[in-house]
Amino acid sequence: MELSAEYLREKLQHDLEAEHVEVEDTTPNRCASSFRVLVVSTKFEGKSLLQRHRLVNTCLAEELPHIHAFEQKTLTPEQWTREQQK
């Protein structure tokens, strides 16, 4: 499996019907073993932080065993709009 920030972005965007996805390879040499993601989706509405993270983890169930470190931020479109206005 070839992991990349672009691959993860496309998968998250498609599977979670996300309005906005950012994926950053945070590995010092960009060897695709550590990522930071931001996902904005209506699927997160009414869900707790843990439930949101579980949705992301389920989406990436095949990929996560190959990732050393994974940091995620999950927002609803309303939360994303408020954050953008700060």
N, C-alpha and C. Protein backbone atom coordinates (compact mmCIF):
# COMPACT_ATOMS: atom_id res chain seq x y z
N MET A 1 0.84 -1.18 0.00
CA MET A 1 0.00 0.00 0.00
C MET A 1 0.88 1.25 0.00
N GLU A 2 0.63 2.12 -0.94
CA GLU A 2 1.39 3.36 -1.07
C GLU A 2 0.64 4.48 -0.35
N LEU A 3 1.14 4.87 0.82
CA LEU A 3 0.51 5.94 1.58
C LEU A 3 1.08 7.28 1.18
N SER A 4 0.21 8.26 1.08
CA SER A 4 0.63 9.62 0.82
C SER A 4 -0.43 10.55 1.39
N ALA A 5 -0.07 11.80 1.58
CA ALA A 5 -1.03 12.79 2.08
C ALA A 5 -2.19 12.91 1.09
N GLU A 6 -1.90 12.90 -0.19
CA GLU A 6 -2.95 13.04 -1.21
C GLU A 6 -3.90 11.85 -1.19
N TYR A 7 -3.35 10.65 -1.05
CA TYR A 7 -4.19 9.44 -0.98
C TYR A 7 -5.14 9.52 0.21
N LEU A 8 -4.60 9.87 1.38
CA LEU A 8 -5.43 9.96 2.58
C LEU A 8 -6.49 11.06 2.43
N ARG A 9 -6.10 12.19 1.85
CA ARG A 9 -7.04 13.30 1.66
C ARG A 9 -8.22 12.85 0.79
N GLU A 10 -7.93 12.20 -0.31
CA GLU A 10 -8.98 11.75 -1.22
C GLU A 10 -9.90 10.72 -0.55
N LYS A 11 -9.31 9.81 0.18
CA LYS A 11 -10.11 8.77 0.84
C LYS A 11 -11.02 9.38 1.90
N LEU A 12 -10.47 10.27 2.74
CA LEU A 12 -11.28 10.92 3.77
C LEU A 12 -12.39 11.77 3.13
N GLN A 13 -12.05 12.50 2.10
CA GLN A 13 -13.03 13.37 1.45
C GLN A 13 -14.17 12.54 0.86
N HIS A 14 -13.83 11.46 0.22
CA HIS A 14 -14.85 10.61 -0.40
C HIS A 14 -15.69 9.87 0.63
N ASP A 15 -15.04 9.14 1.53
CA ASP A 15 -15.75 8.27 2.47
C ASP A 15 -16.56 9.03 3.52
N LEU A 16 -16.07 10.19 3.94
CA LEU A 16 -16.77 10.97 4.96
C LEU A 16 -17.57 12.12 4.36
N GLU A 17 -17.64 12.16 3.03
CA GLU A 17 -18.37 13.22 2.33
C GLU A 17 -17.98 14.58 2.90
N ALA A 18 -16.68 14.77 3.05
CA ALA A 18 -16.14 15.96 3.71
C ALA A 18 -16.19 17.19 2.81
N GLU A 19 -16.48 18.31 3.42
CA GLU A 19 -16.47 19.59 2.71
C GLU A 19 -15.05 20.12 2.57
N HIS A 20 -14.21 19.77 3.53
CA HIS A 20 -12.83 20.26 3.54
C HIS A 20 -11.96 19.23 4.23
N VAL A 21 -10.80 18.94 3.64
CA VAL A 21 -9.83 18.00 4.24
C VAL A 21 -8.43 18.56 4.01
N GLU A 22 -7.66 18.59 5.08
CA GLU A 22 -6.24 18.92 4.99
C GLU A 22 -5.46 17.76 5.56
N VAL A 23 -4.44 17.33 4.86
CA VAL A 23 -3.57 16.25 5.34
C VAL A 23 -2.14 16.72 5.19
N GLU A 24 -1.40 16.64 6.28
CA GLU A 24 0.01 17.04 6.27
C GLU A 24 0.87 15.85 6.68
N ASP A 25 1.85 15.54 5.87
CA ASP A 25 2.83 14.51 6.23
C ASP A 25 3.81 15.17 7.19
N THR A 26 3.76 14.77 8.46
CA THR A 26 4.59 15.40 9.49
C THR A 26 5.88 14.63 9.77
N THR A 27 6.15 13.61 8.97
CA THR A 27 7.39 12.87 9.11
C THR A 27 8.55 13.78 8.70
N PRO A 28 9.62 13.86 9.49
CA PRO A 28 10.72 14.77 9.16
C PRO A 28 11.24 14.64 7.72
N ASN A 29 11.35 13.41 7.22
CA ASN A 29 11.86 13.23 5.86
C ASN A 29 10.74 12.92 4.86
N ARG A 30 9.50 13.19 5.27
CA ARG A 30 8.32 12.98 4.42
C ARG A 30 8.22 11.55 3.88
N CYS A 31 8.45 10.59 4.77
CA CYS A 31 8.40 9.19 4.36
C CYS A 31 7.03 8.56 4.59
N ALA A 32 6.03 9.41 4.84
CA ALA A 32 4.64 8.97 4.93
C ALA A 32 4.37 7.97 6.06
N SER A 33 4.88 8.27 7.25
CA SER A 33 4.57 7.41 8.39
C SER A 33 3.94 8.21 9.53
N SER A 34 3.78 9.50 9.34
CA SER A 34 3.20 10.36 10.37
C SER A 34 2.37 11.46 9.69
N PHE A 35 1.11 11.59 10.13
CA PHE A 35 0.22 12.55 9.48
C PHE A 35 -0.58 13.35 10.48
N ARG A 36 -0.93 14.57 10.07
CA ARG A 36 -1.86 15.43 10.81
C ARG A 36 -3.00 15.73 9.84
N VAL A 37 -4.26 15.49 10.28
CA VAL A 37 -5.40 15.72 9.39
C VAL A 37 -6.43 16.64 10.04
N LEU A 38 -7.10 17.39 9.18
CA LEU A 38 -8.25 18.20 9.55
C LEU A 38 -9.37 17.78 8.61
N VAL A 39 -10.50 17.37 9.18
CA VAL A 39 -11.63 16.93 8.38
C VAL A 39 -12.87 17.71 8.80
N VAL A 40 -13.56 18.30 7.82
CA VAL A 40 -14.80 19.04 8.05
C VAL A 40 -15.91 18.28 7.33
N SER A 41 -16.88 17.79 8.10
CA SER A 41 -17.94 16.98 7.51
C SER A 41 -19.25 17.13 8.27
N THR A 42 -20.36 17.10 7.54
CA THR A 42 -21.67 17.11 8.19
C THR A 42 -21.92 15.80 8.93
N LYS A 43 -21.18 14.75 8.60
CA LYS A 43 -21.32 13.47 9.31
C LYS A 43 -20.93 13.58 10.78
N PHE A 44 -20.24 14.66 11.15
CA PHE A 44 -19.81 14.84 12.54
C PHE A 44 -20.87 15.54 13.39
N GLU A 45 -21.90 16.07 12.75
CA GLU A 45 -22.92 16.81 13.49
C GLU A 45 -23.62 15.91 14.51
N GLY A 46 -23.74 16.41 15.75
CA GLY A 46 -24.39 15.66 16.81
C GLY A 46 -23.56 14.54 17.40
N LYS A 47 -22.30 14.44 16.99
CA LYS A 47 -21.44 13.37 17.49
C LYS A 47 -20.39 13.93 18.44
N SER A 48 -20.02 13.11 19.42
CA SER A 48 -18.96 13.50 20.35
C SER A 48 -17.61 13.42 19.65
N LEU A 49 -16.59 13.98 20.27
CA LEU A 49 -15.24 13.93 19.71
C LEU A 49 -14.80 12.48 19.49
N LEU A 50 -15.08 11.63 20.45
CA LEU A 50 -14.70 10.22 20.32
C LEU A 50 -15.41 9.56 19.14
N GLN A 51 -16.69 9.84 18.97
CA GLN A 51 -17.44 9.27 17.85
C GLN A 51 -16.89 9.77 16.51
N ARG A 52 -16.50 11.03 16.45
CA ARG A 52 -15.93 11.60 15.23
C ARG A 52 -14.61 10.91 14.89
N HIS A 53 -13.77 10.76 15.91
CA HIS A 53 -12.47 10.12 15.68
C HIS A 53 -12.65 8.67 15.26
N ARG A 54 -13.66 8.02 15.81
CA ARG A 54 -13.93 6.63 15.40
C ARG A 54 -14.34 6.56 13.94
N LEU A 55 -15.12 7.54 13.48
CA LEU A 55 -15.50 7.57 12.06
C LEU A 55 -14.25 7.68 11.17
N VAL A 56 -13.34 8.56 11.56
CA VAL A 56 -12.09 8.73 10.79
C VAL A 56 -11.26 7.44 10.85
N ASN A 57 -11.14 6.89 12.05
CA ASN A 57 -10.34 5.66 12.22
C ASN A 57 -10.94 4.50 11.42
N THR A 58 -12.26 4.41 11.37
CA THR A 58 -12.92 3.36 10.59
C THR A 58 -12.65 3.56 9.11
N CYS A 59 -12.72 4.80 8.67
CA CYS A 59 -12.44 5.12 7.26
C CYS A 59 -11.03 4.69 6.87
N LEU A 60 -10.08 4.87 7.78
CA LEU A 60 -8.68 4.57 7.50
C LEU A 60 -8.20 3.28 8.18
N ALA A 61 -9.12 2.35 8.41
CA ALA A 61 -8.78 1.11 9.14
C ALA A 61 -7.66 0.32 8.47
N GLU A 62 -7.62 0.29 7.15
CA GLU A 62 -6.56 -0.45 6.46
C GLU A 62 -5.23 0.28 6.49
N GLU A 63 -5.28 1.61 6.54
CA GLU A 63 -4.07 2.41 6.47
C GLU A 63 -3.41 2.63 7.84
N LEU A 64 -4.20 2.74 8.89
CA LEU A 64 -3.64 3.09 10.20
C LEU A 64 -2.56 2.13 10.72
N PRO A 65 -2.65 0.83 10.48
CA PRO A 65 -1.56 -0.04 10.94
C PRO A 65 -0.20 0.30 10.34
N HIS A 66 -0.20 1.02 9.21
CA HIS A 66 1.05 1.38 8.52
C HIS A 66 1.52 2.79 8.88
N ILE A 67 0.75 3.46 9.74
CA ILE A 67 1.07 4.84 10.12
C ILE A 67 1.60 4.85 11.54
N HIS A 68 2.73 5.49 11.74
CA HIS A 68 3.37 5.54 13.06
C HIS A 68 2.66 6.52 14.00
N ALA A 69 2.34 7.70 13.51
CA ALA A 69 1.69 8.73 14.33
C ALA A 69 0.57 9.37 13.52
N PHE A 70 -0.58 9.59 14.17
CA PHE A 70 -1.74 10.13 13.48
C PHE A 70 -2.46 11.10 14.40
N GLU A 71 -2.52 12.35 13.99
CA GLU A 71 -3.20 13.40 14.74
C GLU A 71 -4.38 13.88 13.92
N GLN A 72 -5.54 13.98 14.56
CA GLN A 72 -6.71 14.39 13.80
C GLN A 72 -7.52 15.47 14.51
N LYS A 73 -8.08 16.35 13.69
CA LYS A 73 -9.00 17.39 14.16
C LYS A 73 -10.25 17.24 13.31
N THR A 74 -11.40 17.10 13.96
CA THR A 74 -12.65 16.87 13.26
C THR A 74 -13.64 17.96 13.62
N LEU A 75 -14.19 18.61 12.60
CA LEU A 75 -15.11 19.72 12.81
C LEU A 75 -16.35 19.57 11.94
N THR A 76 -17.46 20.14 12.43
CA THR A 76 -18.65 20.27 11.59
C THR A 76 -18.46 21.51 10.72
N PRO A 77 -19.22 21.66 9.65
CA PRO A 77 -19.09 22.87 8.83
C PRO A 77 -19.32 24.15 9.64
N GLU A 78 -20.25 24.13 10.59
CA GLU A 78 -20.51 25.30 11.43
C GLU A 78 -19.29 25.64 12.29
N GLN A 79 -18.67 24.63 12.88
CA GLN A 79 -17.47 24.85 13.69
C GLN A 79 -16.33 25.38 12.82
N TRP A 80 -16.18 24.86 11.61
CA TRP A 80 -15.15 25.28 10.69
C TRP A 80 -15.33 26.76 10.32
N THR A 81 -16.58 27.15 10.06
CA THR A 81 -16.87 28.55 9.72
C THR A 81 -16.49 29.46 10.88
N ARG A 82 -16.86 29.06 12.10
CA ARG A 82 -16.51 29.88 13.29
C ARG A 82 -15.01 29.96 13.45
N GLU A 83 -14.32 28.87 13.24
CA GLU A 83 -12.86 28.85 13.40
C GLU A 83 -12.19 29.75 12.36
N GLN A 84 -12.71 29.77 11.15
CA GLN A 84 -12.17 30.60 10.09
C GLN A 84 -12.32 32.09 10.40
N GLN A 85 -13.33 32.44 11.20
CA GLN A 85 -13.61 33.83 11.51
C GLN A 85 -12.75 34.36 12.66
N LYS A 86 -12.03 33.48 13.32
CA LYS A 86 -11.18 33.91 14.46
C LYS A 86 -10.01 34.73 13.99
